[in-house]
Amino acid sequence: MVKVSHNEIREVDNLLVQVYGDKRWQKHAEPIDELVLTVLSQHTNDVNRDRAFKKLKHRFHSWEQVLSAPIRSIASAIKPAGLSNQKAPRIKAALKKISEFNGGKLSLDFLAEMPLEEAMNWLKNLPGVGPKTAGCVLLFSFGKPVFPVDTHIFRISKRLGWIDEKVTEAQANDLLDKLVPNEIKYRLHLNMIAHGRKICKPQKPLCENCVLKHLCRYFQQKLS
């Protein structure tokens, strides 16, 4: 269940812009790079994700090489990201599906011309790809108006009281994507992540330093 108005979302966006700046869209990575990066990020932190991605790109000089490599070799390269025995077959299977759909070419550029919902559903049919991973590819590589919910955004949304405690992260992706205005999705996504890392931490959040505390149910409960 969603418990937030468009006005409150815009107020949070404006407050975070004052702290973290106004973000204009820029391409983060090529689509397949973004896809693999996001798969690697599952259940780990950005440092381990980036180490694993760097090792993978160093060992294999193209995605075609990754596709033809044994799963154990891929798993060895991405070991820093954790769960490598799960992530490696998912990456290989996703590349295989992309290649088969695209006439043997390893590219996701065709998603640029797809309607948003169709592109989202296509990506979610890939092995190991949920709404957050699909959303990150479409937002960061194509500039499509999607609002992926990562662990920081999920935590902040619950503390603000935007979503019910029983809402799952997958459900939150769909619910908040419908509510956040398209023109602020990219900026709000990045600024909420920055806020989650710096202030609204999982343990011992720095509530006294938070520009959102007057809107925050979690903070009000701490005071009561």
C-alpha atoms as a PDB file:
ATOM      1  CA  MET A   1       0.000   0.000   0.000  1.00  0.00           C
ATOM      2  CA  VAL A   2       1.223   3.501  -0.883  1.00  0.00           C
ATOM      3  CA  LYS A   3       0.770   6.320   1.597  1.00  0.00           C
ATOM      4  CA  VAL A   4       2.235   9.361  -0.121  1.00  0.00           C
ATOM      5  CA  SER A   5       1.000  12.247  -2.255  1.00  0.00           C
ATOM      6  CA  HIS A   6       2.604  13.734  -5.346  1.00  0.00           C
ATOM      7  CA  ASN A   7       3.131  16.959  -3.394  1.00  0.00           C
ATOM      8  CA  GLU A   8       5.106  15.207  -0.675  1.00  0.00           C
ATOM      9  CA  ILE A   9       7.262  13.403  -3.249  1.00  0.00           C
ATOM     10  CA  ARG A  10       8.041  16.746  -4.889  1.00  0.00           C
ATOM     11  CA  GLU A  11       8.831  18.297  -1.500  1.00  0.00           C
ATOM     12  CA  VAL A  12      11.299  15.502  -0.731  1.00  0.00           C
ATOM     13  CA  ASP A  13      12.840  15.931  -4.173  1.00  0.00           C
ATOM     14  CA  ASN A  14      13.259  19.693  -3.675  1.00  0.00           C
ATOM     15  CA  LEU A  15      14.834  19.233  -0.234  1.00  0.00           C
ATOM     16  CA  LEU A  16      17.295  16.626  -1.486  1.00  0.00           C
ATOM     17  CA  VAL A  17      18.242  18.810  -4.468  1.00  0.00           C
ATOM     18  CA  GLN A  18      19.298  21.508  -1.996  1.00  0.00           C
ATOM     19  CA  VAL A  19      21.693  19.041  -0.362  1.00  0.00           C
ATOM     20  CA  TYR A  20      22.878  16.808  -3.212  1.00  0.00           C
ATOM     21  CA  GLY A  21      22.308  18.964  -6.269  1.00  0.00           C
ATOM     22  CA  ASP A  22      20.159  18.900  -9.383  1.00  0.00           C
ATOM     23  CA  LYS A  23      21.059  15.853 -11.482  1.00  0.00           C
ATOM     24  CA  ARG A  24      20.596  15.949 -15.252  1.00  0.00           C
ATOM     25  CA  TRP A  25      20.439  12.640 -17.089  1.00  0.00           C
ATOM     26  CA  GLN A  26      23.647  11.296 -18.518  1.00  0.00           C
ATOM     27  CA  LYS A  27      24.384   7.812 -19.798  1.00  0.00           C
ATOM     28  CA  HIS A  28      26.095   5.730 -17.126  1.00  0.00           C
ATOM     29  CA  ALA A  29      27.143   2.661 -19.131  1.00  0.00           C
ATOM     30  CA  GLU A  30      26.384   0.661 -22.243  1.00  0.00           C
ATOM     31  CA  PRO A  31      23.176  -1.346 -21.750  1.00  0.00           C
ATOM     32  CA  ILE A  32      24.749  -4.810 -21.369  1.00  0.00           C
ATOM     33  CA  ASP A  33      27.409  -3.375 -19.054  1.00  0.00           C
ATOM     34  CA  GLU A  34      24.641  -1.819 -16.956  1.00  0.00           C
ATOM     35  CA  LEU A  35      22.713  -5.094 -16.941  1.00  0.00           C
ATOM     36  CA  VAL A  36      25.696  -7.128 -15.738  1.00  0.00           C
ATOM     37  CA  LEU A  37      26.705  -4.481 -13.207  1.00  0.00           C
ATOM     38  CA  THR A  38      23.237  -4.525 -11.689  1.00  0.00           C
ATOM     39  CA  VAL A  39      23.120  -8.320 -11.553  1.00  0.00           C
ATOM     40  CA  LEU A  40      26.503  -8.269  -9.804  1.00  0.00           C
ATOM     41  CA  SER A  41      25.219  -5.665  -7.326  1.00  0.00           C
ATOM     42  CA  GLN A  42      22.556  -8.012  -5.963  1.00  0.00           C
ATOM     43  CA  HIS A  43      23.193  -8.835  -2.277  1.00  0.00           C
ATOM     44  CA  THR A  44      26.506  -6.964  -2.155  1.00  0.00           C
ATOM     45  CA  ASN A  45      27.884  -3.425  -2.008  1.00  0.00           C
ATOM     46  CA  ASP A  46      29.108  -1.158  -4.785  1.00  0.00           C
ATOM     47  CA  VAL A  47      32.797  -1.734  -4.006  1.00  0.00           C
ATOM     48  CA  ASN A  48      32.505  -5.513  -4.397  1.00  0.00           C
ATOM     49  CA  ARG A  49      30.296  -5.106  -7.469  1.00  0.00           C
ATOM     50  CA  ASP A  50      32.838  -2.851  -9.173  1.00  0.00           C
ATOM     51  CA  ARG A  51      35.760  -5.171  -8.296  1.00  0.00           C
ATOM     52  CA  ALA A  52      33.914  -8.119  -9.786  1.00  0.00           C
ATOM     53  CA  PHE A  53      32.954  -6.217 -12.945  1.00  0.00           C
ATOM     54  CA  LYS A  54      36.528  -5.010 -13.426  1.00  0.00           C
ATOM     55  CA  LYS A  55      37.876  -8.559 -13.081  1.00  0.00           C
ATOM     56  CA  LEU A  56      35.259  -9.874 -15.504  1.00  0.00           C
ATOM     57  CA  LYS A  57      36.127  -7.255 -18.144  1.00  0.00           C
ATOM     58  CA  HIS A  58      39.857  -7.870 -17.625  1.00  0.00           C
ATOM     59  CA  ARG A  59      39.545 -11.627 -18.097  1.00  0.00           C
ATOM     60  CA  PHE A  60      37.120 -11.454 -21.028  1.00  0.00           C
ATOM     61  CA  HIS A  61      37.590  -8.707 -23.598  1.00  0.00           C
ATOM     62  CA  SER A  62      34.068  -8.903 -25.037  1.00  0.00           C
ATOM     63  CA  TRP A  63      30.620 -10.125 -24.052  1.00  0.00           C
ATOM     64  CA  GLU A  64      30.936 -12.683 -26.840  1.00  0.00           C
ATOM     65  CA  GLN A  65      33.867 -14.188 -24.936  1.00  0.00           C
ATOM     66  CA  VAL A  66      31.820 -14.275 -21.747  1.00  0.00           C
ATOM     67  CA  LEU A  67      28.982 -16.015 -23.579  1.00  0.00           C
ATOM     68  CA  SER A  68      31.294 -18.743 -24.882  1.00  0.00           C
ATOM     69  CA  ALA A  69      33.192 -19.166 -21.585  1.00  0.00           C
ATOM     70  CA  PRO A  70      32.568 -21.990 -19.103  1.00  0.00           C
ATOM     71  CA  ILE A  71      30.371 -20.954 -16.184  1.00  0.00           C
ATOM     72  CA  ARG A  72      33.152 -21.815 -13.718  1.00  0.00           C
ATOM     73  CA  SER A  73      35.462 -19.275 -15.416  1.00  0.00           C
ATOM     74  CA  ILE A  74      32.819 -16.561 -15.199  1.00  0.00           C
ATOM     75  CA  ALA A  75      32.138 -17.448 -11.562  1.00  0.00           C
ATOM     76  CA  SER A  76      35.847 -17.218 -10.757  1.00  0.00           C
ATOM     77  CA  ALA A  77      36.059 -13.734 -12.294  1.00  0.00           C
ATOM     78  CA  ILE A  78      33.060 -12.354 -10.449  1.00  0.00           C
ATOM     79  CA  LYS A  79      33.860 -13.937  -7.074  1.00  0.00           C
ATOM     80  CA  PRO A  80      34.317 -10.544  -5.291  1.00  0.00           C
ATOM     81  CA  ALA A  81      30.584  -9.829  -5.792  1.00  0.00           C
ATOM     82  CA  GLY A  82      29.552 -12.929  -3.846  1.00  0.00           C
ATOM     83  CA  LEU A  83      27.044 -15.603  -4.865  1.00  0.00           C
ATOM     84  CA  SER A  84      29.180 -16.132  -7.955  1.00  0.00           C
ATOM     85  CA  ASN A  85      27.855 -19.656  -8.541  1.00  0.00           C
ATOM     86  CA  GLN A  86      24.354 -18.163  -8.854  1.00  0.00           C
ATOM     87  CA  LYS A  87      25.226 -14.988 -10.727  1.00  0.00           C
ATOM     88  CA  ALA A  88      27.540 -16.570 -13.326  1.00  0.00           C
ATOM     89  CA  PRO A  89      24.923 -18.874 -14.922  1.00  0.00           C
ATOM     90  CA  ARG A  90      22.393 -16.030 -14.862  1.00  0.00           C
ATOM     91  CA  ILE A  91      24.774 -13.711 -16.708  1.00  0.00           C
ATOM     92  CA  LYS A  92      25.614 -16.368 -19.288  1.00  0.00           C
ATOM     93  CA  ALA A  93      21.940 -17.283 -19.782  1.00  0.00           C
ATOM     94  CA  ALA A  94      20.949 -13.611 -20.149  1.00  0.00           C
ATOM     95  CA  LEU A  95      23.635 -13.072 -22.789  1.00  0.00           C
ATOM     96  CA  LYS A  96      22.420 -16.168 -24.618  1.00  0.00           C
ATOM     97  CA  LYS A  97      18.839 -14.870 -24.699  1.00  0.00           C
ATOM     98  CA  ILE A  98      19.973 -11.450 -25.924  1.00  0.00           C
ATOM     99  CA  SER A  99      22.027 -13.032 -28.694  1.00  0.00           C
ATOM    100  CA  GLU A 100      19.205 -15.351 -29.787  1.00  0.00           C
ATOM    101  CA  PHE A 101      16.648 -12.525 -29.858  1.00  0.00           C
ATOM    102  CA  ASN A 102      18.976 -10.157 -31.684  1.00  0.00           C
ATOM    103  CA  GLY A 103      20.113 -12.412 -34.518  1.00  0.00           C
ATOM    104  CA  GLY A 104      23.388 -13.365 -32.868  1.00  0.00           C
ATOM    105  CA  LYS A 105      24.323  -9.801 -31.950  1.00  0.00           C
ATOM    106  CA  LEU A 106      25.054  -9.016 -28.316  1.00  0.00           C
ATOM    107  CA  SER A 107      23.342  -5.663 -28.008  1.00  0.00           C
ATOM    108  CA  LEU A 108      20.352  -4.229 -26.192  1.00  0.00           C
ATOM    109  CA  ASP A 109      20.100  -1.152 -28.403  1.00  0.00           C
ATOM    110  CA  PHE A 110      16.766  -2.397 -29.758  1.00  0.00           C
ATOM    111  CA  LEU A 111      15.200  -1.501 -26.394  1.00  0.00           C
ATOM    112  CA  ALA A 112      15.514   2.189 -27.249  1.00  0.00           C
ATOM    113  CA  GLU A 113      12.690   1.882 -29.779  1.00  0.00           C
ATOM    114  CA  MET A 114      10.437  -0.299 -27.623  1.00  0.00           C
ATOM    115  CA  PRO A 115       7.563   1.184 -25.622  1.00  0.00           C
ATOM    116  CA  LEU A 116       8.577   1.458 -21.987  1.00  0.00           C
ATOM    117  CA  GLU A 117       6.337  -1.286 -20.611  1.00  0.00           C
ATOM    118  CA  GLU A 118       7.326  -3.689 -23.389  1.00  0.00           C
ATOM    119  CA  ALA A 119      11.026  -2.996 -22.788  1.00  0.00           C
ATOM    120  CA  MET A 120      10.596  -3.513 -19.052  1.00  0.00           C
ATOM    121  CA  ASN A 121       8.813  -6.835 -19.562  1.00  0.00           C
ATOM    122  CA  TRP A 122      11.416  -8.001 -22.074  1.00  0.00           C
ATOM    123  CA  LEU A 123      14.231  -7.390 -19.610  1.00  0.00           C
ATOM    124  CA  LYS A 124      12.350  -8.991 -16.716  1.00  0.00           C
ATOM    125  CA  ASN A 125      12.119 -12.188 -18.760  1.00  0.00           C
ATOM    126  CA  LEU A 126      15.906 -12.509 -18.643  1.00  0.00           C
ATOM    127  CA  PRO A 127      17.328 -14.875 -16.006  1.00  0.00           C
ATOM    128  CA  GLY A 128      18.086 -13.113 -12.722  1.00  0.00           C
ATOM    129  CA  VAL A 129      16.532  -9.817 -13.824  1.00  0.00           C
ATOM    130  CA  GLY A 130      13.849  -8.294 -11.633  1.00  0.00           C
ATOM    131  CA  PRO A 131      12.177  -4.879 -11.734  1.00  0.00           C
ATOM    132  CA  LYS A 132      15.111  -3.043 -10.147  1.00  0.00           C
ATOM    133  CA  THR A 133      17.690  -4.443 -12.566  1.00  0.00           C
ATOM    134  CA  ALA A 134      15.441  -3.840 -15.573  1.00  0.00           C
ATOM    135  CA  GLY A 135      14.691  -0.330 -14.339  1.00  0.00           C
ATOM    136  CA  CYS A 136      18.366   0.523 -13.901  1.00  0.00           C
ATOM    137  CA  VAL A 137      19.155  -0.532 -17.481  1.00  0.00           C
ATOM    138  CA  LEU A 138      16.309   1.534 -18.902  1.00  0.00           C
ATOM    139  CA  LEU A 139      16.965   4.579 -16.707  1.00  0.00           C
ATOM    140  CA  PHE A 140      20.759   4.747 -16.834  1.00  0.00           C
ATOM    141  CA  SER A 141      21.470   3.495 -20.352  1.00  0.00           C
ATOM    142  CA  PHE A 142      18.435   4.800 -22.233  1.00  0.00           C
ATOM    143  CA  GLY A 143      17.118   7.688 -20.149  1.00  0.00           C
ATOM    144  CA  LYS A 144      13.659   6.139 -19.977  1.00  0.00           C
ATOM    145  CA  PRO A 145      11.438   7.406 -17.119  1.00  0.00           C
ATOM    146  CA  VAL A 146      11.710   4.534 -14.644  1.00  0.00           C
ATOM    147  CA  PHE A 147      12.154   4.680 -10.856  1.00  0.00           C
ATOM    148  CA  PRO A 148      14.176   1.657  -9.721  1.00  0.00           C
ATOM    149  CA  VAL A 149      13.987   0.966  -5.995  1.00  0.00           C
ATOM    150  CA  ASP A 150      17.274  -0.174  -4.495  1.00  0.00           C
ATOM    151  CA  THR A 151      17.936  -0.995  -0.841  1.00  0.00           C
ATOM    152  CA  HIS A 152      18.522   2.675   0.119  1.00  0.00           C
ATOM    153  CA  ILE A 153      15.360   3.953  -1.562  1.00  0.00           C
ATOM    154  CA  PHE A 154      13.377   1.052  -0.107  1.00  0.00           C
ATOM    155  CA  ARG A 155      14.598   1.859   3.422  1.00  0.00           C
ATOM    156  CA  ILE A 156      13.987   5.609   3.120  1.00  0.00           C
ATOM    157  CA  SER A 157      10.523   5.088   1.606  1.00  0.00           C
ATOM    158  CA  LYS A 158       9.504   2.910   4.543  1.00  0.00           C
ATOM    159  CA  ARG A 159      10.927   5.315   7.113  1.00  0.00           C
ATOM    160  CA  LEU A 160       9.140   8.237   5.489  1.00  0.00           C
ATOM    161  CA  GLY A 161       5.943   6.199   5.577  1.00  0.00           C
ATOM    162  CA  TRP A 162       5.555   6.225   1.807  1.00  0.00           C
ATOM    163  CA  ILE A 163       4.935   2.484   1.716  1.00  0.00           C
ATOM    164  CA  ASP A 164       3.543   0.007   4.199  1.00  0.00           C
ATOM    165  CA  GLU A 165       5.954  -2.165   6.169  1.00  0.00           C
ATOM    166  CA  LYS A 166       4.606  -5.288   4.447  1.00  0.00           C
ATOM    167  CA  VAL A 167       5.386  -4.015   0.942  1.00  0.00           C
ATOM    168  CA  THR A 168       8.241  -5.952  -0.682  1.00  0.00           C
ATOM    169  CA  GLU A 169      11.061  -4.352  -2.646  1.00  0.00           C
ATOM    170  CA  ALA A 170       9.658  -5.766  -5.907  1.00  0.00           C
ATOM    171  CA  GLN A 171       6.218  -4.323  -5.105  1.00  0.00           C
ATOM    172  CA  ALA A 172       7.773  -0.981  -4.167  1.00  0.00           C
ATOM    173  CA  ASN A 173       9.343  -0.713  -7.632  1.00  0.00           C
ATOM    174  CA  ASP A 174       5.933  -0.887  -9.260  1.00  0.00           C
ATOM    175  CA  LEU A 175       4.088   1.257  -6.698  1.00  0.00           C
ATOM    176  CA  LEU A 176       6.584   4.125  -6.533  1.00  0.00           C
ATOM    177  CA  ASP A 177       7.256   4.110 -10.275  1.00  0.00           C
ATOM    178  CA  LYS A 178       3.596   4.973 -10.805  1.00  0.00           C
ATOM    179  CA  LEU A 179       3.713   7.843  -8.287  1.00  0.00           C
ATOM    180  CA  VAL A 180       7.048   9.582  -8.873  1.00  0.00           C
ATOM    181  CA  PRO A 181       6.692  12.189 -11.652  1.00  0.00           C
ATOM    182  CA  ASN A 182       8.659  11.213 -14.753  1.00  0.00           C
ATOM    183  CA  GLU A 183      10.702  14.395 -14.902  1.00  0.00           C
ATOM    184  CA  ILE A 184      12.254  13.846 -11.455  1.00  0.00           C
ATOM    185  CA  LYS A 185      12.754  10.064 -11.497  1.00  0.00           C
ATOM    186  CA  TYR A 186      16.451  10.127 -12.420  1.00  0.00           C
ATOM    187  CA  ARG A 187      17.338  12.917 -10.002  1.00  0.00           C
ATOM    188  CA  LEU A 188      15.287  11.576  -7.099  1.00  0.00           C
ATOM    189  CA  HIS A 189      16.664   8.065  -7.558  1.00  0.00           C
ATOM    190  CA  LEU A 190      20.274   9.281  -7.335  1.00  0.00           C
ATOM    191  CA  ASN A 191      19.644  11.739  -4.502  1.00  0.00           C
ATOM    192  CA  MET A 192      17.758   9.231  -2.361  1.00  0.00           C
ATOM    193  CA  ILE A 193      20.644   6.783  -2.748  1.00  0.00           C
ATOM    194  CA  ALA A 194      23.113   9.506  -1.742  1.00  0.00           C
ATOM    195  CA  HIS A 195      20.933  10.336   1.261  1.00  0.00           C
ATOM    196  CA  GLY A 196      20.743   6.669   2.256  1.00  0.00           C
ATOM    197  CA  ARG A 197      24.511   6.340   2.189  1.00  0.00           C
ATOM    198  CA  LYS A 198      25.267   9.563   4.025  1.00  0.00           C
ATOM    199  CA  ILE A 199      22.366  10.180   6.439  1.00  0.00           C
ATOM    200  CA  CYS A 200      19.574   7.590   6.408  1.00  0.00           C
ATOM    201  CA  LYS A 201      21.862   4.634   7.097  1.00  0.00           C
ATOM    202  CA  PRO A 202      20.608   1.137   7.899  1.00  0.00           C
ATOM    203  CA  GLN A 203      22.080   1.317  11.402  1.00  0.00           C
ATOM    204  CA  LYS A 204      22.229   4.492  13.473  1.00  0.00           C
ATOM    205  CA  PRO A 205      20.726   6.922  10.926  1.00  0.00           C
ATOM    206  CA  LEU A 206      21.814  10.537  11.457  1.00  0.00           C
ATOM    207  CA  CYS A 207      18.260  11.793  11.947  1.00  0.00           C
ATOM    208  CA  GLU A 208      19.240  15.100  13.553  1.00  0.00           C
ATOM    209  CA  ASN A 209      21.131  16.044  10.380  1.00  0.00           C
ATOM    210  CA  CYS A 210      18.318  15.000   8.040  1.00  0.00           C
ATOM    211  CA  VAL A 211      16.482  17.585   5.945  1.00  0.00           C
ATOM    212  CA  LEU A 212      13.511  15.208   5.733  1.00  0.00           C
ATOM    213  CA  LYS A 213      12.968  14.619   9.449  1.00  0.00           C
ATOM    214  CA  HIS A 214       9.841  16.776   9.630  1.00  0.00           C
ATOM    215  CA  LEU A 215       8.277  14.462   7.029  1.00  0.00           C
ATOM    216  CA  CYS A 216       9.587  11.222   8.499  1.00  0.00           C
ATOM    217  CA  ARG A 217       7.389   8.751  10.364  1.00  0.00           C
ATOM    218  CA  TYR A 218      10.464   6.907  11.669  1.00  0.00           C
ATOM    219  CA  PHE A 219      11.824  10.121  13.236  1.00  0.00           C
ATOM    220  CA  GLN A 220       8.462  11.004  14.789  1.00  0.00           C
ATOM    221  CA  GLN A 221       8.283   7.549  16.362  1.00  0.00           C
ATOM    222  CA  LYS A 222      11.767   8.027  17.822  1.00  0.00           C
ATOM    223  CA  LEU A 223      10.601  11.254  19.469  1.00  0.00           C
ATOM    224  CA  SER A 224       7.463   9.707  20.967  1.00  0.00           C
END
